[in-house]
Amino acid sequence: MRRFDRGDFDLVAVGRAMIAEPDWPKLVQAGALDQLKPFATSLMADPLMAHVK
């Protein structure tokens, strides 16, 4: 996150992160990085249901 905060990146891809955690933007903006769920390839089987427990 330090490199991101410094502005080292022009573009950040969050495709996999959004599949694993649909609330990714809100959690990152709130600084709740400990609440982010990791991506797993098993989520690709049904990406629309990945957030359902």
PDB file of N, CA and C in Angstrom:
ATOM      1  N   MET A   1       0.819  -1.193   0.000  1.00  0.00           N
ATOM      2  CA  MET A   1       0.000   0.000   0.000  1.00  0.00           C
ATOM      3  C   MET A   1       0.866   1.263   0.000  1.00  0.00           C
ATOM      4  N   ARG A   2       2.070   1.177   0.511  1.00  0.00           N
ATOM      5  CA  ARG A   2       2.915   2.375   0.528  1.00  0.00           C
ATOM      6  C   ARG A   2       3.193   2.875  -0.879  1.00  0.00           C
ATOM      7  N   ARG A   3       3.485   1.952  -1.786  1.00  0.00           N
ATOM      8  CA  ARG A   3       3.759   2.367  -3.165  1.00  0.00           C
ATOM      9  C   ARG A   3       2.508   2.956  -3.800  1.00  0.00           C
ATOM     10  N   PHE A   4       1.357   2.403  -3.486  1.00  0.00           N
ATOM     11  CA  PHE A   4       0.106   2.948  -4.006  1.00  0.00           C
ATOM     12  C   PHE A   4      -0.114   4.359  -3.460  1.00  0.00           C
ATOM     13  N   ASP A   5       0.083   4.519  -2.163  1.00  0.00           N
ATOM     14  CA  ASP A   5      -0.097   5.829  -1.531  1.00  0.00           C
ATOM     15  C   ASP A   5       0.864   6.876  -2.089  1.00  0.00           C
ATOM     16  N   ARG A   6       2.058   6.446  -2.494  1.00  0.00           N
ATOM     17  CA  ARG A   6       3.033   7.375  -3.080  1.00  0.00           C
ATOM     18  C   ARG A   6       2.673   7.758  -4.504  1.00  0.00           C
ATOM     19  N   GLY A   7       1.737   7.040  -5.110  1.00  0.00           N
ATOM     20  CA  GLY A   7       1.357   7.337  -6.485  1.00  0.00           C
ATOM     21  C   GLY A   7       2.247   6.663  -7.510  1.00  0.00           C
ATOM     22  N   ASP A   8       2.872   5.550  -7.136  1.00  0.00           N
ATOM     23  CA  ASP A   8       3.764   4.837  -8.048  1.00  0.00           C
ATOM     24  C   ASP A   8       3.030   4.162  -9.202  1.00  0.00           C
ATOM     25  N   PHE A   9       1.727   4.015  -9.105  1.00  0.00           N
ATOM     26  CA  PHE A   9       0.967   3.284 -10.113  1.00  0.00           C
ATOM     27  C   PHE A   9      -0.033   4.196 -10.809  1.00  0.00           C
ATOM     28  N   ASP A  10      -0.156   4.021 -12.117  1.00  0.00           N
ATOM     29  CA  ASP A  10      -1.164   4.750 -12.879  1.00  0.00           C
ATOM     30  C   ASP A  10      -2.480   3.984 -12.925  1.00  0.00           C
ATOM     31  N   LEU A  11      -2.389   2.666 -12.816  1.00  0.00           N
ATOM     32  CA  LEU A  11      -3.564   1.813 -12.926  1.00  0.00           C
ATOM     33  C   LEU A  11      -3.369   0.599 -12.034  1.00  0.00           C
ATOM     34  N   VAL A  12      -4.409   0.227 -11.340  1.00  0.00           N
ATOM     35  CA  VAL A  12      -4.367  -0.966 -10.498  1.00  0.00           C
ATOM     36  C   VAL A  12      -5.521  -1.865 -10.916  1.00  0.00           C
ATOM     37  N   ALA A  13      -5.214  -3.100 -11.260  1.00  0.00           N
ATOM     38  CA  ALA A  13      -6.246  -4.061 -11.643  1.00  0.00           C
ATOM     39  C   ALA A  13      -6.738  -4.782 -10.395  1.00  0.00           C
ATOM     40  N   VAL A  14      -8.036  -4.842 -10.240  1.00  0.00           N
ATOM     41  CA  VAL A  14      -8.604  -5.472  -9.050  1.00  0.00           C
ATOM     42  C   VAL A  14      -9.630  -6.538  -9.413  1.00  0.00           C
ATOM     43  N   GLY A  15      -9.535  -7.096 -10.598  1.00  0.00           N
ATOM     44  CA  GLY A  15     -10.513  -8.084 -11.046  1.00  0.00           C
ATOM     45  C   GLY A  15     -10.667  -9.256 -10.101  1.00  0.00           C
ATOM     46  N   ARG A  16      -9.565  -9.907  -9.774  1.00  0.00           N
ATOM     47  CA  ARG A  16      -9.638 -11.065  -8.881  1.00  0.00           C
ATOM     48  C   ARG A  16     -10.083 -10.652  -7.489  1.00  0.00           C
ATOM     49  N   ALA A  17      -9.608  -9.513  -7.040  1.00  0.00           N
ATOM     50  CA  ALA A  17     -10.002  -9.038  -5.711  1.00  0.00           C
ATOM     51  C   ALA A  17     -11.502  -8.789  -5.632  1.00  0.00           C
ATOM     52  N   MET A  18     -12.076  -8.266  -6.710  1.00  0.00           N
ATOM     53  CA  MET A  18     -13.516  -7.992  -6.721  1.00  0.00           C
ATOM     54  C   MET A  18     -14.335  -9.278  -6.772  1.00  0.00           C
ATOM     55  N   ILE A  19     -13.785 -10.325  -7.376  1.00  0.00           N
ATOM     56  CA  ILE A  19     -14.483 -11.612  -7.375  1.00  0.00           C
ATOM     57  C   ILE A  19     -14.497 -12.181  -5.958  1.00  0.00           C
ATOM     58  N   ALA A  20     -13.368 -12.098  -5.282  1.00  0.00           N
ATOM     59  CA  ALA A  20     -13.264 -12.649  -3.931  1.00  0.00           C
ATOM     60  C   ALA A  20     -14.007 -11.802  -2.909  1.00  0.00           C
ATOM     61  N   GLU A  21     -13.994 -10.488  -3.103  1.00  0.00           N
ATOM     62  CA  GLU A  21     -14.578  -9.576  -2.115  1.00  0.00           C
ATOM     63  C   GLU A  21     -15.279  -8.429  -2.833  1.00  0.00           C
ATOM     64  N   PRO A  22     -16.588  -8.554  -3.062  1.00  0.00           N
ATOM     65  CA  PRO A  22     -17.316  -7.508  -3.780  1.00  0.00           C
ATOM     66  C   PRO A  22     -17.232  -6.127  -3.117  1.00  0.00           C
ATOM     67  N   ASP A  23     -17.007  -6.082  -1.825  1.00  0.00           N
ATOM     68  CA  ASP A  23     -16.899  -4.802  -1.117  1.00  0.00           C
ATOM     69  C   ASP A  23     -15.465  -4.294  -1.053  1.00  0.00           C
ATOM     70  N   TRP A  24     -14.592  -4.821  -1.902  1.00  0.00           N
ATOM     71  CA  TRP A  24     -13.179  -4.456  -1.898  1.00  0.00           C
ATOM     72  C   TRP A  24     -12.950  -2.947  -1.877  1.00  0.00           C
ATOM     73  N   PRO A  25     -13.569  -2.169  -2.758  1.00  0.00           N
ATOM     74  CA  PRO A  25     -13.294  -0.723  -2.748  1.00  0.00           C
ATOM     75  C   PRO A  25     -13.644  -0.059  -1.415  1.00  0.00           C
ATOM     76  N   LYS A  26     -14.766  -0.428  -0.848  1.00  0.00           N
ATOM     77  CA  LYS A  26     -15.182   0.164   0.428  1.00  0.00           C
ATOM     78  C   LYS A  26     -14.217  -0.212   1.552  1.00  0.00           C
ATOM     79  N   LEU A  27     -13.818  -1.482   1.583  1.00  0.00           N
ATOM     80  CA  LEU A  27     -12.919  -1.941   2.639  1.00  0.00           C
ATOM     81  C   LEU A  27     -11.545  -1.295   2.523  1.00  0.00           C
ATOM     82  N   VAL A  28     -11.034  -1.184   1.312  1.00  0.00           N
ATOM     83  CA  VAL A  28      -9.727  -0.555   1.119  1.00  0.00           C
ATOM     84  C   VAL A  28      -9.797   0.924   1.489  1.00  0.00           C
ATOM     85  N   GLN A  29     -10.840   1.589   1.050  1.00  0.00           N
ATOM     86  CA  GLN A  29     -10.986   3.010   1.361  1.00  0.00           C
ATOM     87  C   GLN A  29     -11.085   3.233   2.871  1.00  0.00           C
ATOM     88  N   ALA A  30     -11.735   2.314   3.563  1.00  0.00           N
ATOM     89  CA  ALA A  30     -11.894   2.428   5.013  1.00  0.00           C
ATOM     90  C   ALA A  30     -10.645   1.970   5.768  1.00  0.00           C
ATOM     91  N   GLY A  31      -9.677   1.407   5.048  1.00  0.00           N
ATOM     92  CA  GLY A  31      -8.462   0.921   5.700  1.00  0.00           C
ATOM     93  C   GLY A  31      -8.651  -0.410   6.401  1.00  0.00           C
ATOM     94  N   ALA A  32      -9.712  -1.121   6.054  1.00  0.00           N
ATOM     95  CA  ALA A  32     -10.029  -2.400   6.696  1.00  0.00           C
ATOM     96  C   ALA A  32      -9.395  -3.556   5.924  1.00  0.00           C
ATOM     97  N   LEU A  33      -8.102  -3.471   5.695  1.00  0.00           N
ATOM     98  CA  LEU A  33      -7.411  -4.475   4.888  1.00  0.00           C
ATOM     99  C   LEU A  33      -7.456  -5.860   5.520  1.00  0.00           C
ATOM    100  N   ASP A  34      -7.578  -5.918   6.830  1.00  0.00           N
ATOM    101  CA  ASP A  34      -7.640  -7.215   7.508  1.00  0.00           C
ATOM    102  C   ASP A  34      -8.947  -7.952   7.233  1.00  0.00           C
ATOM    103  N   GLN A  35      -9.939  -7.267   6.681  1.00  0.00           N
ATOM    104  CA  GLN A  35     -11.222  -7.891   6.378  1.00  0.00           C
ATOM    105  C   GLN A  35     -11.317  -8.398   4.942  1.00  0.00           C
ATOM    106  N   LEU A  36     -10.298  -8.135   4.132  1.00  0.00           N
ATOM    107  CA  LEU A  36     -10.323  -8.576   2.738  1.00  0.00           C
ATOM    108  C   LEU A  36     -10.185 -10.089   2.654  1.00  0.00           C
ATOM    109  N   LYS A  37     -10.996 -10.679   1.806  1.00  0.00           N
ATOM    110  CA  LYS A  37     -10.927 -12.124   1.587  1.00  0.00           C
ATOM    111  C   LYS A  37      -9.939 -12.390   0.454  1.00  0.00           C
ATOM    112  N   PRO A  38      -9.109 -13.419   0.582  1.00  0.00           N
ATOM    113  CA  PRO A  38      -8.163 -13.724  -0.493  1.00  0.00           C
ATOM    114  C   PRO A  38      -8.864 -14.373  -1.683  1.00  0.00           C
ATOM    115  N   PHE A  39      -8.287 -14.186  -2.847  1.00  0.00           N
ATOM    116  CA  PHE A  39      -8.806 -14.823  -4.051  1.00  0.00           C
ATOM    117  C   PHE A  39      -8.436 -16.295  -4.047  1.00  0.00           C
ATOM    118  N   ALA A  40      -9.344 -17.120  -4.506  1.00  0.00           N
ATOM    119  CA  ALA A  40      -9.089 -18.551  -4.685  1.00  0.00           C
ATOM    120  C   ALA A  40      -9.658 -18.951  -6.040  1.00  0.00           C
ATOM    121  N   THR A  41      -8.956 -19.796  -6.758  1.00  0.00           N
ATOM    122  CA  THR A  41      -9.428 -20.191  -8.084  1.00  0.00           C
ATOM    123  C   THR A  41     -10.786 -20.882  -8.021  1.00  0.00           C
ATOM    124  N   SER A  42     -11.125 -21.458  -6.896  1.00  0.00           N
ATOM    125  CA  SER A  42     -12.432 -22.111  -6.766  1.00  0.00           C
ATOM    126  C   SER A  42     -13.581 -21.110  -6.902  1.00  0.00           C
ATOM    127  N   LEU A  43     -13.311 -19.846  -6.670  1.00  0.00           N
ATOM    128  CA  LEU A  43     -14.345 -18.823  -6.824  1.00  0.00           C
ATOM    129  C   LEU A  43     -14.740 -18.632  -8.281  1.00  0.00           C
ATOM    130  N   MET A  44     -13.882 -19.030  -9.187  1.00  0.00           N
ATOM    131  CA  MET A  44     -14.157 -18.854 -10.607  1.00  0.00           C
ATOM    132  C   MET A  44     -15.255 -19.787 -11.103  1.00  0.00           C
ATOM    133  N   ALA A  45     -15.571 -20.818 -10.354  1.00  0.00           N
ATOM    134  CA  ALA A  45     -16.617 -21.748 -10.765  1.00  0.00           C
ATOM    135  C   ALA A  45     -17.963 -21.041 -10.867  1.00  0.00           C
ATOM    136  N   ASP A  46     -18.236 -20.125  -9.964  1.00  0.00           N
ATOM    137  CA  ASP A  46     -19.487 -19.381  -9.974  1.00  0.00           C
ATOM    138  C   ASP A  46     -19.226 -17.991  -9.398  1.00  0.00           C
ATOM    139  N   PRO A  47     -18.616 -17.098 -10.174  1.00  0.00           N
ATOM    140  CA  PRO A  47     -18.220 -15.800  -9.643  1.00  0.00           C
ATOM    141  C   PRO A  47     -19.381 -14.959  -9.123  1.00  0.00           C
ATOM    142  N   LEU A  48     -20.579 -15.183  -9.613  1.00  0.00           N
ATOM    143  CA  LEU A  48     -21.711 -14.401  -9.124  1.00  0.00           C
ATOM    144  C   LEU A  48     -22.113 -14.800  -7.712  1.00  0.00           C
ATOM    145  N   MET A  49     -21.719 -15.994  -7.299  1.00  0.00           N
ATOM    146  CA  MET A  49     -22.076 -16.474  -5.969  1.00  0.00           C
ATOM    147  C   MET A  49     -20.883 -16.482  -5.016  1.00  0.00           C
ATOM    148  N   ALA A  50     -19.752 -15.947  -5.432  1.00  0.00           N
ATOM    149  CA  ALA A  50     -18.534 -16.004  -4.628  1.00  0.00           C
ATOM    150  C   ALA A  50     -18.699 -15.327  -3.273  1.00  0.00           C
ATOM    151  N   HIS A  51     -19.509 -14.296  -3.203  1.00  0.00           N
ATOM    152  CA  HIS A  51     -19.663 -13.557  -1.952  1.00  0.00           C
ATOM    153  C   HIS A  51     -20.697 -14.176  -1.017  1.00  0.00           C
ATOM    154  N   VAL A  52     -21.423 -15.178  -1.480  1.00  0.00           N
ATOM    155  CA  VAL A  52     -22.452 -15.819  -0.665  1.00  0.00           C
ATOM    156  C   VAL A  52     -21.812 -16.909   0.177  1.00  0.00           C
ATOM    157  N   LYS A  53     -22.104 -16.894   1.444  1.00  0.00           N
ATOM    158  CA  LYS A  53     -21.526 -17.906   2.342  1.00  0.00           C
ATOM    159  C   LYS A  53     -22.452 -19.081   2.494  1.00  0.00           C
TER     160      LYS A  53
END
